[in-house]
PDB file of N, CA and C in Angstrom:
ATOM      1  N   MET A   1       0.738  -1.150   0.034  1.00  0.00           N
ATOM      2  CA  MET A   1       0.033   0.093   0.077  1.00  0.00           C
ATOM      3  C   MET A   1       1.067   1.162  -0.055  1.00  0.00           C
ATOM      4  N   ARG A   2       0.359   2.320  -0.668  1.00  0.00           N
ATOM      5  CA  ARG A   2       1.043   3.683  -0.678  1.00  0.00           C
ATOM      6  C   ARG A   2       0.280   4.362  -0.045  1.00  0.00           C
ATOM      7  N   PHE A   3       0.992   5.566   0.864  1.00  0.00           N
ATOM      8  CA  PHE A   3       0.097   6.490   1.351  1.00  0.00           C
ATOM      9  C   PHE A   3       0.984   7.876   1.089  1.00  0.00           C
ATOM     10  N   ASP A   4       0.152   8.785   1.007  1.00  0.00           N
ATOM     11  CA  ASP A   4       0.742  10.249   1.015  1.00  0.00           C
ATOM     12  C   ASP A   4       1.854  10.379   2.073  1.00  0.00           C
ATOM     13  N   LYS A   5       2.778  11.011   1.916  1.00  0.00           N
ATOM     14  CA  LYS A   5       3.976  11.257   2.858  1.00  0.00           C
ATOM     15  C   LYS A   5       3.267  11.815   3.978  1.00  0.00           C
ATOM     16  N   ASP A   6       2.678  13.077   3.887  1.00  0.00           N
ATOM     17  CA  ASP A   6       2.058  14.102   4.835  1.00  0.00           C
ATOM     18  C   ASP A   6       1.084  13.150   5.689  1.00  0.00           C
ATOM     19  N   LEU A   7       0.399  12.434   4.950  1.00  0.00           N
ATOM     20  CA  LEU A   7      -0.650  11.377   5.772  1.00  0.00           C
ATOM     21  C   LEU A   7      -0.142  10.458   6.521  1.00  0.00           C
ATOM     22  N   LEU A   8       1.069   9.926   6.261  1.00  0.00           N
ATOM     23  CA  LEU A   8       1.676   8.786   6.687  1.00  0.00           C
ATOM     24  C   LEU A   8       2.249   9.441   7.990  1.00  0.00           C
ATOM     25  N   GLU A   9       2.826  10.480   7.931  1.00  0.00           N
ATOM     26  CA  GLU A   9       3.512  11.104   9.088  1.00  0.00           C
ATOM     27  C   GLU A   9       2.241  11.409  10.079  1.00  0.00           C
ATOM     28  N   LEU A  10       1.238  11.781   9.597  1.00  0.00           N
ATOM     29  CA  LEU A  10      -0.013  12.123  10.765  1.00  0.00           C
ATOM     30  C   LEU A  10      -0.471  10.651  11.468  1.00  0.00           C
ATOM     31  N   ILE A  11      -0.524   9.742  10.608  1.00  0.00           N
ATOM     32  CA  ILE A  11      -0.832   8.232  11.120  1.00  0.00           C
ATOM     33  C   ILE A  11       0.126   7.938  12.014  1.00  0.00           C
ATOM     34  N   LYS A  12       1.561   8.201  11.836  1.00  0.00           N
ATOM     35  CA  LYS A  12       2.824   7.679  12.809  1.00  0.00           C
ATOM     36  C   LYS A  12       2.510   8.331  14.005  1.00  0.00           C
ATOM     37  N   GLU A  13       2.257   9.664  14.009  1.00  0.00           N
ATOM     38  CA  GLU A  13       1.947  10.722  15.232  1.00  0.00           C
ATOM     39  C   GLU A  13       0.838   9.935  16.115  1.00  0.00           C
ATOM     40  N   LYS A  14      -0.167   9.735  15.484  1.00  0.00           N
ATOM     41  CA  LYS A  14      -1.425   9.015  15.902  1.00  0.00           C
ATOM     42  C   LYS A  14      -1.072   7.856  16.671  1.00  0.00           C
ATOM     43  N   ALA A  15      -0.283   6.791  15.930  1.00  0.00           N
ATOM     44  CA  ALA A  15       0.112   5.615  16.369  1.00  0.00           C
ATOM     45  C   ALA A  15       1.063   5.772  17.988  1.00  0.00           C
ATOM     46  N   ARG A  16       1.840   6.607  17.511  1.00  0.00           N
ATOM     47  CA  ARG A  16       2.647   6.706  18.654  1.00  0.00           C
ATOM     48  C   ARG A  16       1.946   7.202  20.149  1.00  0.00           C
ATOM     49  N   ALA A  17       1.055   8.253  19.733  1.00  0.00           N
ATOM     50  CA  ALA A  17       0.247   8.588  20.867  1.00  0.00           C
ATOM     51  C   ALA A  17      -0.586   7.884  21.346  1.00  0.00           C
ATOM     52  N   GLN A  18      -0.955   6.730  20.694  1.00  0.00           N
ATOM     53  CA  GLN A  18      -1.898   5.540  21.439  1.00  0.00           C
ATOM     54  C   GLN A  18      -0.875   4.476  21.878  1.00  0.00           C
ATOM     55  N   LYS A  19       0.218   4.871  21.873  1.00  0.00           N
ATOM     56  CA  LYS A  19       1.247   3.588  22.096  1.00  0.00           C
ATOM     57  C   LYS A  19       1.080   2.250  21.121  1.00  0.00           C
ATOM     58  N   ARG A  20       1.012   2.506  19.915  1.00  0.00           N
ATOM     59  CA  ARG A  20       0.740   1.351  19.220  1.00  0.00           C
ATOM     60  C   ARG A  20       1.765   1.488  17.863  1.00  0.00           C
ATOM     61  N   SER A  21       1.909   0.425  17.251  1.00  0.00           N
ATOM     62  CA  SER A  21       2.814   0.228  16.179  1.00  0.00           C
ATOM     63  C   SER A  21       1.931   0.602  14.875  1.00  0.00           C
ATOM     64  N   LEU A  22       2.722   1.162  13.898  1.00  0.00           N
ATOM     65  CA  LEU A  22       2.090   1.764  13.038  1.00  0.00           C
ATOM     66  C   LEU A  22       1.079   0.880  12.300  1.00  0.00           C
ATOM     67  N   ASN A  23       1.467  -0.666  11.910  1.00  0.00           N
ATOM     68  CA  ASN A  23       0.828  -1.428  11.476  1.00  0.00           C
ATOM     69  C   ASN A  23      -0.593  -1.686  12.275  1.00  0.00           C
ATOM     70  N   ASN A  24      -0.390  -1.793  13.425  1.00  0.00           N
ATOM     71  CA  ASN A  24      -1.443  -2.097  14.585  1.00  0.00           C
ATOM     72  C   ASN A  24      -2.448  -1.027  14.457  1.00  0.00           C
ATOM     73  N   TYR A  25      -2.139   0.375  14.510  1.00  0.00           N
ATOM     74  CA  TYR A  25      -2.978   1.468  14.443  1.00  0.00           C
ATOM     75  C   TYR A  25      -3.774   1.516  13.058  1.00  0.00           C
ATOM     76  N   ILE A  26      -2.895   1.149  11.963  1.00  0.00           N
ATOM     77  CA  ILE A  26      -3.849   1.233  10.457  1.00  0.00           C
ATOM     78  C   ILE A  26      -4.682   0.040  10.787  1.00  0.00           C
ATOM     79  N   GLU A  27      -4.488  -0.977  11.330  1.00  0.00           N
ATOM     80  CA  GLU A  27      -5.469  -2.212  11.360  1.00  0.00           C
ATOM     81  C   GLU A  27      -6.729  -1.743  12.406  1.00  0.00           C
ATOM     82  N   TYR A  28      -6.469  -0.987  13.548  1.00  0.00           N
ATOM     83  CA  TYR A  28      -7.498  -0.423  14.300  1.00  0.00           C
ATOM     84  C   TYR A  28      -8.506   0.316  13.503  1.00  0.00           C
ATOM     85  N   LEU A  29      -7.716   1.355  12.758  1.00  0.00           N
ATOM     86  CA  LEU A  29      -8.577   2.020  11.909  1.00  0.00           C
ATOM     87  C   LEU A  29      -9.414   1.309  10.984  1.00  0.00           C
ATOM     88  N   LEU A  30      -8.973   0.429  10.401  1.00  0.00           N
ATOM     89  CA  LEU A  30      -9.713  -0.220   9.445  1.00  0.00           C
ATOM     90  C   LEU A  30     -10.867  -1.173   9.898  1.00  0.00           C
ATOM     91  N   TYR A  31     -10.332  -1.770  11.070  1.00  0.00           N
ATOM     92  CA  TYR A  31     -11.554  -2.564  11.681  1.00  0.00           C
ATOM     93  C   TYR A  31     -12.434  -1.513  12.402  1.00  0.00           C
ATOM     94  N   ARG A  32     -12.295  -0.490  12.734  1.00  0.00           N
ATOM     95  CA  ARG A  32     -13.208   0.495  13.262  1.00  0.00           C
ATOM     96  C   ARG A  32     -14.245   0.996  12.042  1.00  0.00           C
ATOM     97  N   GLU A  33     -13.682   1.289  10.675  1.00  0.00           N
ATOM     98  CA  GLU A  33     -14.417   1.544   9.786  1.00  0.00           C
ATOM     99  C   GLU A  33     -15.352   0.183   9.142  1.00  0.00           C
ATOM    100  N   VAL A  34     -14.708  -0.929   8.857  1.00  0.00           N
ATOM    101  CA  VAL A  34     -15.304  -1.874   8.347  1.00  0.00           C
ATOM    102  C   VAL A  34     -15.437  -3.380   8.920  1.00  0.00           C
ATOM    103  N   GLY A  35     -14.996  -3.215  10.166  1.00  0.00           N
ATOM    104  CA  GLY A  35     -14.953  -4.479  11.056  1.00  0.00           C
ATOM    105  C   GLY A  35     -16.075  -4.685  11.796  1.00  0.00           C
ATOM    106  N   ASP A  36     -17.364  -3.918  11.600  1.00  0.00           N
ATOM    107  CA  ASP A  36     -18.575  -4.158  12.254  1.00  0.00           C
ATOM    108  C   ASP A  36     -19.523  -4.221  11.259  1.00  0.00           C
ATOM    109  N   ILE A  37     -19.286  -4.622   9.969  1.00  0.00           N
ATOM    110  CA  ILE A  37     -20.271  -5.093   8.947  1.00  0.00           C
ATOM    111  C   ILE A  37     -20.623  -6.300   9.116  1.00  0.00           C
ATOM    112  N   PRO A  38     -22.090  -6.691   9.276  1.00  0.00           N
ATOM    113  CA  PRO A  38     -22.443  -8.029   9.678  1.00  0.00           C
ATOM    114  C   PRO A  38     -22.344  -9.020   8.458  1.00  0.00           C
ATOM    115  N   ASN A  39     -22.101 -10.128   9.062  1.00  0.00           N
ATOM    116  CA  ASN A  39     -22.006 -11.209   7.826  1.00  0.00           C
ATOM    117  C   ASN A  39     -23.367 -11.659   7.656  1.00  0.00           C
ATOM    118  N   GLU A  40     -23.667 -12.351   6.449  1.00  0.00           N
ATOM    119  CA  GLU A  40     -24.883 -13.061   6.210  1.00  0.00           C
ATOM    120  C   GLU A  40     -25.926 -13.535   7.249  1.00  0.00           C
ATOM    121  N   GLU A  41     -25.100 -14.435   7.915  1.00  0.00           N
ATOM    122  CA  GLU A  41     -26.135 -14.978   9.132  1.00  0.00           C
ATOM    123  C   GLU A  41     -26.646 -14.109   9.961  1.00  0.00           C
ATOM    124  N   THR A  42     -25.805 -12.996  10.471  1.00  0.00           N
ATOM    125  CA  THR A  42     -26.112 -12.000  11.050  1.00  0.00           C
ATOM    126  C   THR A  42     -27.151 -11.055  10.320  1.00  0.00           C
ATOM    127  N   LYS A  43     -27.132 -10.600   9.270  1.00  0.00           N
ATOM    128  CA  LYS A  43     -28.083 -10.023   8.512  1.00  0.00           C
ATOM    129  C   LYS A  43     -29.174 -10.834   8.668  1.00  0.00           C
ATOM    130  N   LYS A  44     -29.469 -12.024   8.448  1.00  0.00           N
ATOM    131  CA  LYS A  44     -30.449 -12.760   8.530  1.00  0.00           C
ATOM    132  C   LYS A  44     -31.203 -12.887   9.735  1.00  0.00           C
ATOM    133  N   ALA A  45     -30.553 -12.998  11.030  1.00  0.00           N
ATOM    134  CA  ALA A  45     -31.211 -12.596  12.321  1.00  0.00           C
ATOM    135  C   ALA A  45     -31.617 -11.352  12.511  1.00  0.00           C
ATOM    136  N   ILE A  46     -30.951 -10.547  12.085  1.00  0.00           N
ATOM    137  CA  ILE A  46     -31.575  -8.933  12.433  1.00  0.00           C
ATOM    138  C   ILE A  46     -32.726  -9.039  11.597  1.00  0.00           C
ATOM    139  N   HIS A  47     -32.805  -9.256  10.189  1.00  0.00           N
ATOM    140  CA  HIS A  47     -34.403  -9.201   9.470  1.00  0.00           C
ATOM    141  C   HIS A  47     -35.324 -10.239  10.447  1.00  0.00           C
ATOM    142  N   GLU A  48     -35.091 -11.152  10.636  1.00  0.00           N
ATOM    143  CA  GLU A  48     -35.890 -12.120  11.527  1.00  0.00           C
ATOM    144  C   GLU A  48     -36.379 -11.351  12.878  1.00  0.00           C
ATOM    145  N   ALA A  49     -35.621 -10.715  13.202  1.00  0.00           N
ATOM    146  CA  ALA A  49     -35.889 -10.208  14.741  1.00  0.00           C
ATOM    147  C   ALA A  49     -36.637  -8.989  14.608  1.00  0.00           C
ATOM    148  N   GLU A  50     -36.199  -8.026  13.443  1.00  0.00           N
ATOM    149  CA  GLU A  50     -37.281  -7.131  13.076  1.00  0.00           C
ATOM    150  C   GLU A  50     -38.658  -7.257  12.548  1.00  0.00           C
ATOM    151  N   ASN A  51     -38.643  -8.497  11.975  1.00  0.00           N
ATOM    152  CA  ASN A  51     -39.989  -9.004  11.186  1.00  0.00           C
ATOM    153  C   ASN A  51     -40.643  -9.986  12.017  1.00  0.00           C
ATOM    154  N   ASN A  52     -40.168 -10.059  13.317  1.00  0.00           N
ATOM    155  CA  ASN A  52     -41.093 -11.250  14.111  1.00  0.00           C
ATOM    156  C   ASN A  52     -40.984 -12.595  13.579  1.00  0.00           C
ATOM    157  N   VAL A  53     -40.051 -13.219  12.968  1.00  0.00           N
ATOM    158  CA  VAL A  53     -39.957 -14.246  12.164  1.00  0.00           C
ATOM    159  C   VAL A  53     -39.319 -15.506  13.344  1.00  0.00           C
ATOM    160  N   ASN A  54     -40.103 -16.447  13.542  1.00  0.00           N
ATOM    161  CA  ASN A  54     -39.406 -17.537  14.232  1.00  0.00           C
ATOM    162  C   ASN A  54     -38.861 -17.215  15.631  1.00  0.00           C
ATOM    163  N   LEU A  55     -39.531 -16.128  16.220  1.00  0.00           N
ATOM    164  CA  LEU A  55     -39.157 -16.004  17.660  1.00  0.00           C
ATOM    165  C   LEU A  55     -39.615 -16.800  18.715  1.00  0.00           C
ATOM    166  N   THR A  56     -39.414 -16.891  19.785  1.00  0.00           N
ATOM    167  CA  THR A  56     -39.815 -17.653  20.828  1.00  0.00           C
ATOM    168  C   THR A  56     -39.974 -16.598  21.965  1.00  0.00           C
ATOM    169  N   GLU A  57     -41.395 -16.633  22.096  1.00  0.00           N
ATOM    170  CA  GLU A  57     -41.827 -15.705  23.475  1.00  0.00           C
ATOM    171  C   GLU A  57     -41.319 -16.410  24.746  1.00  0.00           C
ATOM    172  N   ILE A  58     -41.126 -15.390  25.448  1.00  0.00           N
ATOM    173  CA  ILE A  58     -40.235 -15.842  26.822  1.00  0.00           C
ATOM    174  C   ILE A  58     -41.109 -15.182  28.005  1.00  0.00           C
ATOM    175  N   ASP A  59     -41.790 -16.253  28.756  1.00  0.00           N
ATOM    176  CA  ASP A  59     -42.495 -15.584  29.913  1.00  0.00           C
ATOM    177  C   ASP A  59     -41.570 -15.261  31.099  1.00  0.00           C
ATOM    178  N   ASN A  60     -40.817 -16.370  31.358  1.00  0.00           N
ATOM    179  CA  ASN A  60     -40.119 -16.644  32.354  1.00  0.00           C
ATOM    180  C   ASN A  60     -38.754 -16.850  32.093  1.00  0.00           C
ATOM    181  N   LEU A  61     -37.834 -16.128  32.423  1.00  0.00           N
ATOM    182  CA  LEU A  61     -36.428 -16.253  31.487  1.00  0.00           C
ATOM    183  C   LEU A  61     -35.742 -17.299  32.378  1.00  0.00           C
ATOM    184  N   ASP A  62     -35.865 -17.692  33.639  1.00  0.00           N
ATOM    185  CA  ASP A  62     -35.196 -18.916  34.543  1.00  0.00           C
ATOM    186  C   ASP A  62     -35.979 -20.154  34.130  1.00  0.00           C
ATOM    187  N   ASP A  63     -36.969 -20.347  33.432  1.00  0.00           N
ATOM    188  CA  ASP A  63     -37.628 -21.253  33.022  1.00  0.00           C
ATOM    189  C   ASP A  63     -37.131 -21.955  31.636  1.00  0.00           C
ATOM    190  N   TYR A  64     -36.914 -20.331  30.880  1.00  0.00           N
ATOM    191  CA  TYR A  64     -36.059 -20.783  29.603  1.00  0.00           C
ATOM    192  C   TYR A  64     -35.147 -21.334  29.881  1.00  0.00           C
ATOM    193  N   PHE A  65     -34.153 -20.584  30.773  1.00  0.00           N
ATOM    194  CA  PHE A  65     -32.919 -21.276  30.722  1.00  0.00           C
ATOM    195  C   PHE A  65     -32.505 -22.795  31.103  1.00  0.00           C
ATOM    196  N   LYS A  66     -33.495 -23.034  32.194  1.00  0.00           N
ATOM    197  CA  LYS A  66     -33.777 -24.460  32.408  1.00  0.00           C
ATOM    198  C   LYS A  66     -33.813 -25.282  31.198  1.00  0.00           C
ATOM    199  N   LYS A  67     -35.008 -24.979  30.431  1.00  0.00           N
ATOM    200  CA  LYS A  67     -35.346 -25.653  29.362  1.00  0.00           C
ATOM    201  C   LYS A  67     -34.060 -25.722  28.403  1.00  0.00           C
ATOM    202  N   LEU A  68     -33.452 -24.691  28.208  1.00  0.00           N
ATOM    203  CA  LEU A  68     -32.242 -24.782  27.392  1.00  0.00           C
ATOM    204  C   LEU A  68     -31.042 -25.757  28.049  1.00  0.00           C
ATOM    205  N   LEU A  69     -30.958 -25.658  28.990  1.00  0.00           N
ATOM    206  CA  LEU A  69     -29.873 -26.599  29.772  1.00  0.00           C
ATOM    207  C   LEU A  69     -30.230 -27.943  29.565  1.00  0.00           C
ATOM    208  N   GLU A  70     -31.515 -28.188  29.750  1.00  0.00           N
ATOM    209  CA  GLU A  70     -32.109 -29.906  29.518  1.00  0.00           C
ATOM    210  C   GLU A  70     -31.919 -30.197  28.065  1.00  0.00           C
ATOM    211  N   GLU A  71     -31.806 -29.259  27.321  1.00  0.00           N
ATOM    212  CA  GLU A  71     -32.059 -29.573  26.028  1.00  0.00           C
ATOM    213  C   GLU A  71     -30.611 -29.975  25.347  1.00  0.00           C
ATOM    214  N   SER A  72     -29.555 -29.560  26.202  1.00  0.00           N
ATOM    215  CA  SER A  72     -28.287 -29.541  25.431  1.00  0.00           C
ATOM    216  C   SER A  72     -27.399 -30.989  26.399  1.00  0.00           C
TER     217      SER A  72
END
């Protein structure tokens, strides 16, 4: 990858200020920008939750947990 010289110096300064390596700081920035993009399975789960698809109504959380433990 190639960076503008002035931009690279700014990135190095920010990395030093956070006590990070240059590589680690660039990875941190990239993950912050694109790392939270949900994968297909998560997108499907979000869609199901928003549209009340295949949801289980839970009246008593303790009973629900007990049932889950019994099934495993």
